[in-house]
Amino acid sequence: MASLLEKTQTLIQANLHAMVDKALEANSVAVMKQYIRDAENNLDELEKAAATVGGEVKTLERKYLEYKKKADQTDRNIDTLLMQGKEELAVAAQRELNTNRRLQEQYHEQWVRQQREYEALLNARLKLQARLTTARQEQKELEALLQLAMSKEKTVATIKSLDDVLGSGDGDIARLGESIRGRLDRASAYSEMYATQLDSQMDEALGRAELDLQLEERKRRLGLAEPSTYKADEEESAAAGDASS
């Protein structure tokens, strides 16, 4: 019984605020939950022990009253026997009275002791119930605080992630932009180069055509042009003249 009362006393005197601080440091409500489980188990044991001791108290009280009643009756019988001159019977009755008085006192002492024990258990039970109620409330508050802390941690992580994208990530984006602009510049340079080459080729082609016409004209004047070609040219010239007139 002393062991149970000691464990109960430890729980009753436990510093809940210290346990809350410890639980917060561990980022867990396991400390409080374990305390509550211990308190609930000890409360169950305490109630069973109180019921047992309470039953013993009633038994001891009943025994005490029984022996007291017998002793009182025997005491009266002794007076009657002495008045009747029955010495031997009075001696036997006195012996019985002494035994009953001794048992009466023993049961009375046990009854008083167990009664104190029973009252101590009842008081401890009330205090432990009150502390358990407080602990449960503390646990709810602690869980709420933990949820709030976790929510804030997520918010901080999200903000940090955004900061990485918008802040330190700008360098990566800038490098990507430079790479794209570099590709665009190279593509523009190649485009200009090829356009220049094409322009040169066109100029060369057009220049050759003009030279060919000049040589063809010179061949006609010299009579070196092919007849078919010469005739075709005359027909084209005549058609052009008719069209103009």
Protein backbone atom coordinates (compact mmCIF):
# COMPACT_ATOMS: atom_id res chain seq x y z
CA MET A 1 0.00 0.00 0.00
CA ALA A 2 2.82 2.37 0.82
CA SER A 3 4.28 1.83 -2.65
CA LEU A 4 0.99 2.77 -4.30
CA LEU A 5 0.63 5.84 -2.10
CA GLU A 6 4.20 6.89 -2.90
CA LYS A 7 3.60 6.59 -6.66
CA THR A 8 0.34 8.46 -6.30
CA GLN A 9 2.01 11.17 -4.24
CA THR A 10 4.70 11.53 -6.93
CA LEU A 11 2.05 12.05 -9.59
CA ILE A 12 0.10 14.46 -7.42
CA GLN A 13 3.20 16.57 -6.77
CA ALA A 14 4.46 16.39 -10.39
CA ASN A 15 5.23 19.75 -11.96
CA LEU A 16 3.00 19.86 -15.03
CA HIS A 17 4.57 23.04 -16.37
CA ALA A 18 8.00 21.42 -16.32
CA MET A 19 6.61 18.46 -18.24
CA VAL A 20 5.01 20.80 -20.77
CA ASP A 21 8.39 22.51 -21.29
CA LYS A 22 10.06 19.13 -21.69
CA ALA A 23 7.42 18.02 -24.17
CA LEU A 24 7.83 21.21 -26.18
CA GLU A 25 11.61 20.74 -26.27
CA ALA A 26 11.06 17.20 -27.58
CA ASN A 27 8.50 18.55 -30.05
CA SER A 28 6.14 15.82 -28.88
CA VAL A 29 3.18 15.32 -26.55
CA ALA A 30 4.43 11.83 -25.68
CA VAL A 31 5.68 13.08 -22.29
CA MET A 32 2.24 14.31 -21.30
CA LYS A 33 0.49 11.26 -22.71
CA GLN A 34 2.75 8.96 -20.69
CA TYR A 35 2.09 11.00 -17.55
CA ILE A 36 -1.66 10.75 -18.14
CA ARG A 37 -1.45 6.99 -18.73
CA ASP A 38 0.52 6.57 -15.49
CA ALA A 39 -1.99 8.72 -13.61
CA GLU A 40 -4.95 6.78 -15.02
CA ASN A 41 -3.36 3.43 -14.12
CA ASN A 42 -2.52 4.60 -10.61
CA LEU A 43 -6.00 6.04 -10.21
CA ASP A 44 -7.50 2.65 -11.10
CA GLU A 45 -5.19 0.93 -8.61
CA LEU A 46 -5.97 3.56 -6.03
CA GLU A 47 -9.73 3.09 -6.42
CA LYS A 48 -9.37 -0.69 -6.10
CA ALA A 49 -7.16 -0.28 -3.04
CA ALA A 50 -9.58 2.23 -1.52
CA ALA A 51 -12.48 -0.15 -2.09
CA THR A 52 -10.51 -2.98 -0.44
CA VAL A 53 -9.48 -0.88 2.55
CA GLY A 54 -12.99 0.52 2.83
CA GLY A 55 -14.31 -3.03 3.07
CA GLU A 56 -11.72 -3.87 5.72
CA VAL A 57 -12.72 -0.81 7.70
CA LYS A 58 -16.32 -1.93 7.79
CA THR A 59 -15.29 -5.47 8.78
CA LEU A 60 -13.03 -4.22 11.58
CA GLU A 61 -15.72 -1.87 12.83
CA ARG A 62 -18.23 -4.69 12.89
CA LYS A 63 -15.78 -6.97 14.75
CA TYR A 64 -14.98 -4.23 17.24
CA LEU A 65 -18.65 -3.60 17.93
CA GLU A 66 -19.32 -7.34 18.27
CA TYR A 67 -16.57 -7.83 20.86
CA LYS A 68 -17.53 -4.64 22.65
CA LYS A 69 -21.11 -5.88 22.89
CA LYS A 70 -19.92 -9.26 24.19
CA ALA A 71 -17.57 -7.63 26.67
CA ASP A 72 -20.26 -5.28 27.97
CA GLN A 73 -22.66 -8.18 28.36
CA THR A 74 -20.02 -10.32 30.12
CA ASP A 75 -19.22 -7.41 32.41
CA ARG A 76 -22.84 -7.22 33.49
CA ASN A 77 -22.96 -11.01 33.92
CA ILE A 78 -19.99 -10.91 36.28
CA ASP A 79 -21.82 -8.48 38.57
CA THR A 80 -24.85 -10.72 38.55
CA LEU A 81 -22.79 -13.86 39.32
CA LEU A 82 -21.00 -12.15 42.19
CA MET A 83 -24.29 -10.99 43.63
CA GLN A 84 -25.50 -14.58 43.39
CA GLY A 85 -22.37 -15.84 45.12
CA LYS A 86 -21.20 -17.86 42.12
CA GLU A 87 -17.49 -17.21 42.45
CA GLU A 88 -16.24 -19.85 40.02
CA LEU A 89 -18.58 -18.76 37.30
CA ALA A 90 -17.61 -15.16 37.97
CA VAL A 91 -13.91 -16.11 37.54
CA ALA A 92 -14.64 -17.82 34.21
CA ALA A 93 -16.71 -14.85 33.10
CA GLN A 94 -13.93 -12.47 34.12
CA ARG A 95 -11.45 -14.53 32.04
CA GLU A 96 -13.82 -14.30 29.06
CA LEU A 97 -14.27 -10.57 29.67
CA ASN A 98 -10.51 -10.01 29.60
CA THR A 99 -10.22 -11.88 26.29
CA ASN A 100 -13.14 -9.96 24.77
CA ARG A 101 -11.75 -6.62 25.98
CA ARG A 102 -8.35 -7.45 24.51
CA LEU A 103 -9.87 -8.42 21.17
CA GLN A 104 -12.10 -5.38 21.35
CA GLU A 105 -9.07 -3.11 21.73
CA GLN A 106 -7.15 -4.87 18.99
CA TYR A 107 -10.00 -4.53 16.53
CA HIS A 108 -10.49 -0.93 17.60
CA GLU A 109 -6.84 -0.10 16.95
CA GLN A 110 -6.94 -1.83 13.56
CA TRP A 111 -10.21 -0.12 12.74
CA VAL A 112 -8.83 3.33 13.55
CA ARG A 113 -5.60 2.66 11.63
CA GLN A 114 -7.41 1.36 8.57
CA GLN A 115 -9.86 4.23 8.78
CA ARG A 116 -6.99 6.71 8.56
CA GLU A 117 -5.54 4.73 5.67
CA TYR A 118 -8.90 4.72 3.94
CA GLU A 119 -9.28 8.48 4.35
CA ALA A 120 -5.74 9.00 3.02
CA LEU A 121 -6.58 6.91 -0.05
CA LEU A 122 -9.79 8.85 -0.62
CA ASN A 123 -7.93 12.17 -0.34
CA ALA A 124 -5.21 10.95 -2.67
CA ARG A 125 -7.88 9.80 -5.11
CA LEU A 126 -9.52 13.22 -5.13
CA LYS A 127 -6.20 15.00 -5.61
CA LEU A 128 -5.11 12.62 -8.36
CA GLN A 129 -8.43 13.05 -10.14
CA ALA A 130 -8.00 16.82 -10.01
CA ARG A 131 -4.41 16.59 -11.28
CA LEU A 132 -5.48 14.19 -14.03
CA THR A 133 -8.15 16.64 -15.18
CA THR A 134 -5.55 19.40 -15.25
CA ALA A 135 -3.10 17.19 -17.15
CA ARG A 136 -5.71 16.37 -19.79
CA GLN A 137 -6.40 20.07 -20.27
CA GLU A 138 -2.66 20.73 -20.48
CA GLN A 139 -2.35 17.98 -23.08
CA LYS A 140 -5.05 19.56 -25.26
CA GLU A 141 -3.34 22.93 -24.99
CA LEU A 142 0.01 21.32 -25.74
CA GLU A 143 -1.34 19.57 -28.83
CA ALA A 144 -2.83 22.86 -30.01
CA LEU A 145 0.52 24.59 -29.48
CA LEU A 146 2.32 21.82 -31.34
CA GLN A 147 -0.08 22.04 -34.28
CA LEU A 148 0.42 25.81 -34.35
CA ALA A 149 4.19 25.37 -34.28
CA MET A 150 4.08 22.84 -37.12
CA SER A 151 1.84 25.15 -39.15
CA LYS A 152 4.22 28.06 -38.64
CA GLU A 153 7.17 25.86 -39.59
CA LYS A 154 5.43 24.97 -42.85
CA THR A 155 4.73 28.64 -43.49
CA VAL A 156 8.37 29.51 -42.88
CA ALA A 157 9.49 26.70 -45.20
CA THR A 158 7.13 27.94 -47.91
CA ILE A 159 8.34 31.51 -47.57
CA LYS A 160 11.95 30.34 -47.66
CA SER A 161 11.23 28.33 -50.81
CA LEU A 162 9.67 31.38 -52.45
CA ASP A 163 12.65 33.44 -51.36
CA ASP A 164 14.96 30.94 -53.00
CA VAL A 165 12.99 31.20 -56.25
CA LEU A 166 12.63 34.96 -56.20
CA GLY A 167 15.94 35.79 -54.59
CA SER A 168 18.90 33.49 -54.93
CA GLY A 169 17.24 31.80 -57.91
CA ASP A 170 17.48 35.02 -59.93
CA GLY A 171 21.08 34.18 -60.81
CA ASP A 172 20.03 30.91 -62.42
CA ILE A 173 17.26 32.64 -64.34
CA ALA A 174 19.69 35.36 -65.45
CA ARG A 175 22.18 32.75 -66.69
CA LEU A 176 19.40 31.01 -68.61
CA GLY A 177 18.39 34.33 -70.16
CA GLU A 178 21.98 35.04 -71.16
CA SER A 179 22.21 31.62 -72.77
CA ILE A 180 19.03 32.20 -74.77
CA ARG A 181 20.13 35.67 -75.83
CA GLY A 182 23.51 34.27 -76.83
CA ARG A 183 21.80 31.68 -79.03
CA LEU A 184 19.67 34.43 -80.54
CA ASP A 185 22.74 36.53 -81.26
CA ARG A 186 24.52 33.61 -82.90
CA ALA A 187 21.45 32.78 -84.96
CA SER A 188 21.16 36.44 -86.04
CA ALA A 189 24.82 36.50 -87.02
CA TYR A 190 24.45 33.36 -89.12
CA SER A 191 21.31 34.78 -90.71
CA GLU A 192 23.05 37.98 -91.68
CA MET A 193 26.03 36.05 -93.02
CA TYR A 194 23.91 33.76 -95.16
CA ALA A 195 21.80 36.70 -96.37
CA THR A 196 24.97 38.49 -97.45
CA GLN A 197 26.16 35.41 -99.28
CA LEU A 198 22.80 35.05 -100.99
CA ASP A 199 22.84 38.70 -101.96
CA SER A 200 26.30 38.28 -103.45
CA GLN A 201 25.17 35.22 -105.34
CA MET A 202 22.17 37.10 -106.68
CA ASP A 203 24.35 40.03 -107.73
CA GLU A 204 26.72 37.66 -109.40
CA ALA A 205 23.90 35.89 -111.15
CA LEU A 206 22.34 39.13 -112.36
CA GLY A 207 25.71 40.47 -113.49
CA ARG A 208 26.36 37.34 -115.56
CA ALA A 209 22.97 37.67 -117.21
CA GLU A 210 23.68 41.24 -118.23
CA LEU A 211 27.03 40.21 -119.60
CA ASP A 212 25.42 37.42 -121.60
CA LEU A 213 22.93 39.90 -123.13
CA GLN A 214 25.72 42.26 -124.05
CA LEU A 215 27.68 39.48 -125.73
CA GLU A 216 24.58 38.22 -127.56
CA GLU A 217 23.98 41.69 -128.95
CA ARG A 218 27.55 41.93 -130.04
CA LYS A 219 27.24 38.52 -131.78
CA ARG A 220 24.19 39.73 -133.72
CA ARG A 221 26.02 42.78 -134.94
CA LEU A 222 28.88 40.62 -136.05
CA GLY A 223 26.59 38.08 -137.65
CA LEU A 224 27.82 35.40 -135.31
CA ALA A 225 24.48 34.68 -133.64
CA GLU A 226 22.57 31.50 -134.48
CA PRO A 227 19.83 32.08 -137.07
CA SER A 228 17.12 30.64 -134.96
CA THR A 229 18.12 32.78 -132.08
CA TYR A 230 18.43 35.86 -134.25
CA LYS A 231 15.00 35.26 -135.82
CA ALA A 232 13.42 34.72 -132.44
CA ASP A 233 14.91 37.97 -131.24
CA GLU A 234 13.56 39.84 -134.27
CA GLU A 235 10.12 38.42 -133.71
CA GLU A 236 10.23 39.44 -130.07
CA SER A 237 11.34 42.97 -131.10
CA ALA A 238 8.54 43.26 -133.67
CA ALA A 239 5.96 42.08 -131.18
CA ALA A 240 7.20 44.58 -128.70
CA GLY A 241 6.90 47.33 -131.35
CA ASP A 242 3.34 46.38 -132.24
CA ALA A 243 2.37 46.34 -128.64
CA SER A 244 3.79 49.81 -128.14
CA SER A 245 1.97 51.23 -131.18
